[in-house]
All heavy atoms as atom14 arrays in JSON, in Angstrom:
{
  "sequence": "LYNKRILHVSVWDGREKFKIEETEEEREERLKRWSKFLES",
  "atom14_mask": [
    [1, 1, 1, 1, 1, 1, 1, 1, 0, 0, 0, 0, 0, 0],
    [1, 1, 1, 1, 1, 1, 1, 1, 1, 1, 1, 1, 0, 0],
    [1, 1, 1, 1, 1, 1, 1, 1, 0, 0, 0, 0, 0, 0],
    [1, 1, 1, 1, 1, 1, 1, 1, 1, 0, 0, 0, 0, 0],
    [1, 1, 1, 1, 1, 1, 1, 1, 1, 1, 1, 0, 0, 0],
    [1, 1, 1, 1, 1, 1, 1, 1, 0, 0, 0, 0, 0, 0],
    [1, 1, 1, 1, 1, 1, 1, 1, 0, 0, 0, 0, 0, 0],
    [1, 1, 1, 1, 1, 1, 1, 1, 1, 1, 0, 0, 0, 0],
    [1, 1, 1, 1, 1, 1, 1, 0, 0, 0, 0, 0, 0, 0],
    [1, 1, 1, 1, 1, 1, 0, 0, 0, 0, 0, 0, 0, 0],
    [1, 1, 1, 1, 1, 1, 1, 0, 0, 0, 0, 0, 0, 0],
    [1, 1, 1, 1, 1, 1, 1, 1, 1, 1, 1, 1, 1, 1],
    [1, 1, 1, 1, 1, 1, 1, 1, 0, 0, 0, 0, 0, 0],
    [1, 1, 1, 1, 0, 0, 0, 0, 0, 0, 0, 0, 0, 0],
    [1, 1, 1, 1, 1, 1, 1, 1, 1, 1, 1, 0, 0, 0],
    [1, 1, 1, 1, 1, 1, 1, 1, 1, 0, 0, 0, 0, 0],
    [1, 1, 1, 1, 1, 1, 1, 1, 1, 0, 0, 0, 0, 0],
    [1, 1, 1, 1, 1, 1, 1, 1, 1, 1, 1, 0, 0, 0],
    [1, 1, 1, 1, 1, 1, 1, 1, 1, 0, 0, 0, 0, 0],
    [1, 1, 1, 1, 1, 1, 1, 1, 0, 0, 0, 0, 0, 0],
    [1, 1, 1, 1, 1, 1, 1, 1, 1, 0, 0, 0, 0, 0],
    [1, 1, 1, 1, 1, 1, 1, 1, 1, 0, 0, 0, 0, 0],
    [1, 1, 1, 1, 1, 1, 1, 0, 0, 0, 0, 0, 0, 0],
    [1, 1, 1, 1, 1, 1, 1, 1, 1, 0, 0, 0, 0, 0],
    [1, 1, 1, 1, 1, 1, 1, 1, 1, 0, 0, 0, 0, 0],
    [1, 1, 1, 1, 1, 1, 1, 1, 1, 0, 0, 0, 0, 0],
    [1, 1, 1, 1, 1, 1, 1, 1, 1, 1, 1, 0, 0, 0],
    [1, 1, 1, 1, 1, 1, 1, 1, 1, 0, 0, 0, 0, 0],
    [1, 1, 1, 1, 1, 1, 1, 1, 1, 0, 0, 0, 0, 0],
    [1, 1, 1, 1, 1, 1, 1, 1, 1, 1, 1, 0, 0, 0],
    [1, 1, 1, 1, 1, 1, 1, 1, 0, 0, 0, 0, 0, 0],
    [1, 1, 1, 1, 1, 1, 1, 1, 1, 0, 0, 0, 0, 0],
    [1, 1, 1, 1, 1, 1, 1, 1, 1, 1, 1, 0, 0, 0],
    [1, 1, 1, 1, 1, 1, 1, 1, 1, 1, 1, 1, 1, 1],
    [1, 1, 1, 1, 1, 1, 0, 0, 0, 0, 0, 0, 0, 0],
    [1, 1, 1, 1, 1, 1, 1, 1, 1, 0, 0, 0, 0, 0],
    [1, 1, 1, 1, 1, 1, 1, 1, 1, 1, 1, 0, 0, 0],
    [1, 1, 1, 1, 1, 1, 1, 1, 0, 0, 0, 0, 0, 0],
    [1, 1, 1, 1, 1, 1, 1, 1, 1, 0, 0, 0, 0, 0],
    [1, 1, 1, 1, 1, 1, 0, 0, 0, 0, 0, 0, 0, 0]
  ],
  "atom14_positions": [
    [[6.98, 26.85, -11.82], [5.69, 26.2, -11.63], [5.92, 24.69, -11.57], [6.52, 24.07, -12.45], [4.69, 26.62, -12.76], [3.25, 26.39, -12.48], [2.77, 27.38, -11.4], [2.38, 26.74, -13.79], [0.0, 0.0, 0.0], [0.0, 0.0, 0.0], [0.0, 0.0, 0.0], [0.0, 0.0, 0.0], [0.0, 0.0, 0.0], [0.0, 0.0, 0.0]],
    [[5.34, 24.09, -10.46], [5.32, 22.62, -10.34], [4.0, 22.21, -9.83], [3.54, 22.58, -8.82], [6.46, 22.2, -9.37], [6.35, 20.72, -8.92], [6.72, 19.72, -9.66], [5.83, 20.47, -7.63], [6.57, 18.45, -9.31], [5.72, 19.21, -7.18], [6.1, 18.16, -7.97], [5.9, 16.85, -7.64], [0.0, 0.0, 0.0], [0.0, 0.0, 0.0]],
    [[3.34, 21.27, -10.65], [2.06, 20.81, -10.19], [1.07, 21.94, -9.8], [0.39, 21.88, -8.83], [2.23, 19.82, -9.08], [1.09, 18.79, -8.95], [0.48, 18.47, -9.95], [0.93, 18.32, -7.76], [0.0, 0.0, 0.0], [0.0, 0.0, 0.0], [0.0, 0.0, 0.0], [0.0, 0.0, 0.0], [0.0, 0.0, 0.0], [0.0, 0.0, 0.0]],
    [[1.0, 23.03, -10.68], [0.1, 24.14, -10.38], [0.49, 24.92, -9.06], [-0.32, 25.71, -8.54], [-1.35, 23.74, -10.38], [-1.85, 23.22, -11.64], [-3.28, 22.8, -11.61], [-3.67, 21.99, -12.81], [-4.99, 21.44, -12.73], [0.0, 0.0, 0.0], [0.0, 0.0, 0.0], [0.0, 0.0, 0.0], [0.0, 0.0, 0.0], [0.0, 0.0, 0.0]],
    [[1.68, 24.75, -8.65], [2.2, 25.48, -7.42], [3.52, 26.18, -7.73], [4.34, 25.54, -8.54], [2.41, 24.54, -6.25], [1.12, 23.77, -5.92], [1.42, 22.68, -4.8], [1.63, 23.3, -3.57], [0.67, 23.61, -2.67], [-0.61, 23.34, -2.97], [0.97, 24.16, -1.5], [0.0, 0.0, 0.0], [0.0, 0.0, 0.0], [0.0, 0.0, 0.0]],
    [[3.7, 27.41, -7.28], [4.98, 28.02, -7.46], [5.95, 27.62, -6.29], [5.74, 27.81, -5.13], [4.81, 29.59, -7.51], [3.91, 29.95, -8.71], [6.17, 30.3, -7.54], [3.46, 31.42, -8.71], [0.0, 0.0, 0.0], [0.0, 0.0, 0.0], [0.0, 0.0, 0.0], [0.0, 0.0, 0.0], [0.0, 0.0, 0.0], [0.0, 0.0, 0.0]],
    [[7.14, 27.07, -6.77], [8.11, 26.61, -5.8], [8.93, 27.79, -5.28], [9.22, 28.69, -6.0], [9.04, 25.64, -6.49], [8.44, 24.36, -7.04], [9.49, 23.43, -7.77], [7.83, 23.53, -5.94], [0.0, 0.0, 0.0], [0.0, 0.0, 0.0], [0.0, 0.0, 0.0], [0.0, 0.0, 0.0], [0.0, 0.0, 0.0], [0.0, 0.0, 0.0]],
    [[9.34, 27.76, -4.09], [10.23, 28.68, -3.43], [11.44, 27.9, -2.99], [11.32, 27.08, -1.96], [9.54, 29.37, -2.27], [8.29, 30.05, -2.66], [8.31, 31.34, -3.33], [6.93, 29.84, -2.46], [7.13, 31.66, -3.59], [6.23, 30.82, -3.02], [0.0, 0.0, 0.0], [0.0, 0.0, 0.0], [0.0, 0.0, 0.0], [0.0, 0.0, 0.0]],
    [[12.58, 28.02, -3.69], [13.74, 27.26, -3.44], [14.88, 28.18, -2.87], [15.15, 29.23, -3.44], [14.24, 26.58, -4.7], [15.31, 25.55, -4.39], [13.08, 25.78, -5.37], [0.0, 0.0, 0.0], [0.0, 0.0, 0.0], [0.0, 0.0, 0.0], [0.0, 0.0, 0.0], [0.0, 0.0, 0.0], [0.0, 0.0, 0.0], [0.0, 0.0, 0.0]],
    [[15.51, 27.83, -1.79], [16.52, 28.58, -1.16], [17.53, 27.61, -0.48], [17.26, 26.45, -0.22], [15.97, 29.57, -0.14], [15.23, 28.81, 0.89], [0.0, 0.0, 0.0], [0.0, 0.0, 0.0], [0.0, 0.0, 0.0], [0.0, 0.0, 0.0], [0.0, 0.0, 0.0], [0.0, 0.0, 0.0], [0.0, 0.0, 0.0], [0.0, 0.0, 0.0]],
    [[18.66, 28.24, -0.08], [19.72, 27.41, 0.58], [19.29, 27.29, 2.05], [18.6, 28.14, 2.63], [21.08, 28.14, 0.44], [21.13, 29.44, 1.24], [22.17, 27.23, 0.93], [0.0, 0.0, 0.0], [0.0, 0.0, 0.0], [0.0, 0.0, 0.0], [0.0, 0.0, 0.0], [0.0, 0.0, 0.0], [0.0, 0.0, 0.0], [0.0, 0.0, 0.0]],
    [[19.57, 26.1, 2.61], [19.18, 25.89, 4.03], [20.11, 26.68, 4.93], [21.37, 26.72, 4.68], [19.25, 24.32, 4.31], [18.93, 23.94, 5.67], [17.84, 24.39, 6.38], [19.69, 23.1, 6.5], [17.86, 23.72, 7.61], [18.98, 22.93, 7.69], [20.91, 22.44, 6.31], [19.47, 22.21, 8.72], [21.36, 21.66, 7.42], [20.56, 21.53, 8.56]],
    [[19.57, 27.27, 6.02], [20.42, 28.17, 6.84], [21.23, 27.23, 7.85], [22.09, 27.82, 8.62], [19.61, 29.14, 7.59], [18.59, 28.57, 8.54], [18.54, 27.4, 8.72], [17.71, 29.32, 9.1], [0.0, 0.0, 0.0], [0.0, 0.0, 0.0], [0.0, 0.0, 0.0], [0.0, 0.0, 0.0], [0.0, 0.0, 0.0], [0.0, 0.0, 0.0]],
    [[21.02, 25.99, 7.8], [21.83, 25.07, 8.76], [21.2, 24.96, 10.16], [21.54, 24.13, 10.92], [0.0, 0.0, 0.0], [0.0, 0.0, 0.0], [0.0, 0.0, 0.0], [0.0, 0.0, 0.0], [0.0, 0.0, 0.0], [0.0, 0.0, 0.0], [0.0, 0.0, 0.0], [0.0, 0.0, 0.0], [0.0, 0.0, 0.0], [0.0, 0.0, 0.0]],
    [[20.11, 25.66, 10.4], [19.49, 25.65, 11.75], [18.04, 25.28, 11.74], [17.56, 24.57, 12.6], [19.66, 27.0, 12.44], [21.09, 27.34, 12.79], [21.15, 28.64, 13.52], [20.6, 29.86, 12.82], [21.32, 30.44, 11.88], [22.55, 30.14, 11.65], [20.77, 31.48, 11.24], [0.0, 0.0, 0.0], [0.0, 0.0, 0.0], [0.0, 0.0, 0.0]],
    [[17.34, 25.75, 10.68], [15.86, 25.48, 10.68], [15.5, 24.06, 10.63], [16.05, 23.29, 9.81], [15.25, 26.31, 9.44], [13.72, 26.36, 9.62], [13.11, 27.21, 8.36], [13.91, 27.7, 7.58], [11.96, 27.19, 8.36], [0.0, 0.0, 0.0], [0.0, 0.0, 0.0], [0.0, 0.0, 0.0], [0.0, 0.0, 0.0], [0.0, 0.0, 0.0]],
    [[14.51, 23.72, 11.52], [14.04, 22.33, 11.51], [12.74, 22.24, 10.87], [11.85, 23.12, 11.05], [13.92, 21.83, 12.99], [15.26, 21.89, 13.75], [16.13, 20.8, 13.39], [17.42, 20.75, 14.32], [18.62, 21.14, 13.68], [0.0, 0.0, 0.0], [0.0, 0.0, 0.0], [0.0, 0.0, 0.0], [0.0, 0.0, 0.0], [0.0, 0.0, 0.0]],
    [[12.44, 21.2, 10.19], [11.1, 21.09, 9.42], [10.29, 19.85, 9.99], [9.16, 19.77, 9.52], [11.46, 20.92, 7.89], [12.17, 22.02, 7.33], [13.48, 21.99, 7.14], [11.52, 23.26, 7.14], [14.21, 23.01, 6.6], [12.18, 24.41, 6.63], [13.55, 24.2, 6.38], [0.0, 0.0, 0.0], [0.0, 0.0, 0.0], [0.0, 0.0, 0.0]],
    [[10.82, 19.03, 10.76], [10.03, 17.85, 11.23], [8.88, 18.28, 12.13], [9.17, 19.04, 13.06], [10.96, 16.9, 12.0], [10.38, 15.59, 12.21], [11.35, 14.51, 12.79], [10.64, 13.19, 13.01], [11.6, 12.27, 13.45], [0.0, 0.0, 0.0], [0.0, 0.0, 0.0], [0.0, 0.0, 0.0], [0.0, 0.0, 0.0], [0.0, 0.0, 0.0]],
    [[7.8, 17.8, 11.92], [6.55, 18.1, 12.62], [6.26, 16.92, 13.55], [6.14, 15.74, 13.11], [5.32, 18.29, 11.72], [5.57, 19.41, 10.71], [4.1, 18.61, 12.52], [5.66, 20.82, 11.34], [0.0, 0.0, 0.0], [0.0, 0.0, 0.0], [0.0, 0.0, 0.0], [0.0, 0.0, 0.0], [0.0, 0.0, 0.0], [0.0, 0.0, 0.0]],
    [[6.19, 17.23, 14.87], [5.86, 16.17, 15.89], [4.48, 15.91, 15.94], [3.56, 16.79, 15.89], [6.35, 16.57, 17.24], [7.9, 16.79, 17.43], [8.6, 15.42, 17.16], [8.12, 14.33, 17.48], [9.64, 15.49, 16.56], [0.0, 0.0, 0.0], [0.0, 0.0, 0.0], [0.0, 0.0, 0.0], [0.0, 0.0, 0.0], [0.0, 0.0, 0.0]],
    [[4.01, 14.61, 15.83], [2.69, 14.19, 15.88], [2.22, 13.76, 17.3], [3.08, 13.4, 18.04], [2.45, 12.89, 14.99], [2.7, 13.07, 13.54], [2.71, 11.83, 12.75], [3.58, 10.94, 12.9], [1.64, 11.68, 12.04], [0.0, 0.0, 0.0], [0.0, 0.0, 0.0], [0.0, 0.0, 0.0], [0.0, 0.0, 0.0], [0.0, 0.0, 0.0]],
    [[0.93, 13.9, 17.61], [0.41, 13.35, 18.78], [0.39, 11.83, 18.6], [0.46, 11.37, 17.54], [-0.97, 13.88, 19.1], [-1.84, 13.43, 18.06], [-1.01, 15.42, 19.22], [0.0, 0.0, 0.0], [0.0, 0.0, 0.0], [0.0, 0.0, 0.0], [0.0, 0.0, 0.0], [0.0, 0.0, 0.0], [0.0, 0.0, 0.0], [0.0, 0.0, 0.0]],
    [[0.23, 11.09, 19.73], [0.12, 9.64, 19.7], [-1.02, 9.22, 18.78], [-0.95, 8.22, 17.95], [0.05, 9.1, 21.1], [0.38, 7.61, 21.16], [1.71, 7.19, 20.67], [2.66, 7.89, 21.02], [1.85, 6.17, 19.97], [0.0, 0.0, 0.0], [0.0, 0.0, 0.0], [0.0, 0.0, 0.0], [0.0, 0.0, 0.0], [0.0, 0.0, 0.0]],
    [[-2.19, 9.87, 18.9], [-3.37, 9.53, 18.13], [-3.12, 9.78, 16.65], [-3.53, 8.95, 15.83], [-4.65, 10.36, 18.58], [-5.03, 10.09, 19.94], [-4.28, 10.83, 21.09], [-3.74, 11.99, 20.8], [-4.13, 10.33, 22.13], [0.0, 0.0, 0.0], [0.0, 0.0, 0.0], [0.0, 0.0, 0.0], [0.0, 0.0, 0.0], [0.0, 0.0, 0.0]],
    [[-2.5, 10.89, 16.3], [-2.23, 11.23, 14.95], [-1.32, 10.14, 14.31], [-1.47, 9.7, 13.16], [-1.63, 12.6, 14.82], [-2.58, 13.67, 14.97], [-1.95, 15.11, 15.11], [-0.68, 15.17, 15.48], [-2.5, 16.08, 14.72], [0.0, 0.0, 0.0], [0.0, 0.0, 0.0], [0.0, 0.0, 0.0], [0.0, 0.0, 0.0], [0.0, 0.0, 0.0]],
    [[-0.29, 9.71, 15.14], [0.63, 8.78, 14.68], [0.02, 7.42, 14.45], [0.2, 6.79, 13.38], [1.71, 8.68, 15.72], [2.93, 7.73, 15.27], [4.05, 7.78, 16.33], [5.08, 6.93, 16.0], [5.1, 5.59, 16.1], [4.16, 4.99, 16.8], [6.13, 4.87, 15.76], [0.0, 0.0, 0.0], [0.0, 0.0, 0.0], [0.0, 0.0, 0.0]],
    [[-0.87, 7.0, 15.33], [-1.6, 5.69, 15.18], [-2.49, 5.75, 13.96], [-2.56, 4.77, 13.16], [-2.45, 5.46, 16.4], [-1.66, 4.88, 17.6], [-2.42, 4.59, 18.76], [-3.62, 4.22, 18.67], [-1.95, 4.68, 19.94], [0.0, 0.0, 0.0], [0.0, 0.0, 0.0], [0.0, 0.0, 0.0], [0.0, 0.0, 0.0], [0.0, 0.0, 0.0]],
    [[-3.18, 6.85, 13.72], [-4.03, 7.03, 12.5], [-3.26, 6.93, 11.27], [-3.65, 6.35, 10.29], [-4.82, 8.37, 12.61], [-5.77, 8.62, 11.59], [-6.89, 7.59, 11.42], [-7.38, 7.02, 12.43], [-7.27, 7.23, 10.29], [0.0, 0.0, 0.0], [0.0, 0.0, 0.0], [0.0, 0.0, 0.0], [0.0, 0.0, 0.0], [0.0, 0.0, 0.0]],
    [[-2.11, 7.61, 11.34], [-1.2, 7.68, 10.13], [-0.66, 6.24, 9.84], [-0.69, 5.85, 8.66], [-0.04, 8.65, 10.47], [0.89, 8.87, 9.35], [1.83, 9.93, 9.88], [3.1, 10.15, 9.26], [3.29, 10.81, 8.16], [2.42, 11.5, 7.58], [4.54, 10.93, 7.68], [0.0, 0.0, 0.0], [0.0, 0.0, 0.0], [0.0, 0.0, 0.0]],
    [[-0.33, 5.56, 10.78], [0.21, 4.17, 10.67], [-0.92, 3.23, 10.11], [-0.61, 2.35, 9.27], [0.7, 3.66, 12.03], [2.11, 4.21, 12.48], [2.42, 3.68, 13.81], [3.24, 3.83, 11.43], [0.0, 0.0, 0.0], [0.0, 0.0, 0.0], [0.0, 0.0, 0.0], [0.0, 0.0, 0.0], [0.0, 0.0, 0.0], [0.0, 0.0, 0.0]],
    [[-2.09, 3.45, 10.57], [-3.27, 2.69, 10.02], [-3.48, 2.96, 8.53], [-3.63, 2.01, 7.7], [-4.52, 2.99, 10.78], [-4.73, 2.36, 12.11], [-6.07, 2.75, 12.76], [-6.08, 2.37, 14.24], [-7.23, 2.97, 14.95], [0.0, 0.0, 0.0], [0.0, 0.0, 0.0], [0.0, 0.0, 0.0], [0.0, 0.0, 0.0], [0.0, 0.0, 0.0]],
    [[-3.4, 4.21, 8.15], [-3.55, 4.53, 6.79], [-2.46, 3.93, 5.93], [-2.68, 3.5, 4.8], [-3.6, 6.05, 6.62], [-4.84, 6.74, 7.09], [-5.06, 8.08, 6.48], [-3.94, 8.99, 6.51], [-3.6, 9.81, 7.47], [-4.38, 9.88, 8.59], [-2.61, 10.56, 7.41], [0.0, 0.0, 0.0], [0.0, 0.0, 0.0], [0.0, 0.0, 0.0]],
    [[-1.16, 4.0, 6.46], [-0.11, 3.43, 5.74], [-0.26, 1.94, 5.56], [-0.02, 1.32, 4.49], [1.25, 3.72, 6.41], [1.89, 4.91, 5.86], [2.09, 6.08, 6.45], [2.56, 5.02, 4.57], [2.82, 7.0, 5.69], [3.08, 6.41, 4.54], [2.74, 4.21, 3.5], [3.67, 6.88, 3.36], [3.39, 4.7, 2.37], [3.87, 6.0, 2.3]],
    [[-0.69, 1.19, 6.64], [-0.91, -0.21, 6.52], [-1.95, -0.49, 5.42], [-1.77, -1.49, 4.65], [-1.39, -0.76, 7.92], [-0.35, -0.61, 8.83], [0.0, 0.0, 0.0], [0.0, 0.0, 0.0], [0.0, 0.0, 0.0], [0.0, 0.0, 0.0], [0.0, 0.0, 0.0], [0.0, 0.0, 0.0], [0.0, 0.0, 0.0], [0.0, 0.0, 0.0]],
    [[-3.09, 0.3, 5.56], [-4.13, 0.06, 4.52], [-3.55, 0.24, 3.15], [-3.9, -0.47, 2.16], [-5.21, 1.04, 4.86], [-6.54, 0.71, 4.13], [-7.64, 1.69, 4.68], [-8.88, 1.49, 3.94], [-9.89, 2.48, 4.37], [0.0, 0.0, 0.0], [0.0, 0.0, 0.0], [0.0, 0.0, 0.0], [0.0, 0.0, 0.0], [0.0, 0.0, 0.0]],
    [[-2.77, 1.32, 3.0], [-2.21, 1.67, 1.65], [-1.32, 0.48, 1.16], [-1.42, 0.07, 0.04], [-1.34, 2.92, 1.88], [-0.52, 3.31, 0.62], [-1.13, 3.69, -0.62], [0.82, 3.26, 0.71], [-0.29, 3.9, -1.71], [1.66, 3.51, -0.35], [1.13, 4.0, -1.51], [0.0, 0.0, 0.0], [0.0, 0.0, 0.0], [0.0, 0.0, 0.0]],
    [[-0.53, -0.04, 2.06], [0.46, -1.1, 1.67], [-0.25, -2.41, 1.36], [0.11, -3.18, 0.44], [1.51, -1.35, 2.76], [2.52, -0.1, 2.99], [3.36, -0.38, 4.21], [3.41, 0.13, 1.77], [0.0, 0.0, 0.0], [0.0, 0.0, 0.0], [0.0, 0.0, 0.0], [0.0, 0.0, 0.0], [0.0, 0.0, 0.0], [0.0, 0.0, 0.0]],
    [[-1.31, -2.66, 2.18], [-2.08, -3.93, 1.89], [-2.85, -3.84, 0.62], [-3.02, -4.92, -0.03], [-3.11, -4.05, 3.01], [-2.51, -4.55, 4.34], [-3.44, -4.52, 5.55], [-4.69, -4.25, 5.37], [-2.88, -4.69, 6.65], [0.0, 0.0, 0.0], [0.0, 0.0, 0.0], [0.0, 0.0, 0.0], [0.0, 0.0, 0.0], [0.0, 0.0, 0.0]],
    [[-3.22, -2.63, 0.15], [-3.97, -2.51, -1.1], [-3.0, -2.53, -2.31], [-3.42, -2.24, -3.36], [-4.74, -1.21, -1.11], [-3.87, -0.08, -1.12], [0.0, 0.0, 0.0], [0.0, 0.0, 0.0], [0.0, 0.0, 0.0], [0.0, 0.0, 0.0], [0.0, 0.0, 0.0], [0.0, 0.0, 0.0], [0.0, 0.0, 0.0], [0.0, 0.0, 0.0]]
  ]
}
């Protein structure tokens, strides 16, 4: 149990990719939020 969630931990198979591609709009929105976060 970690932060009220049950962790599932396993060895990486060497092939599976986890990176999620964002659309241009999502990326811009995310960068705005990060800028706001850093400025604060």
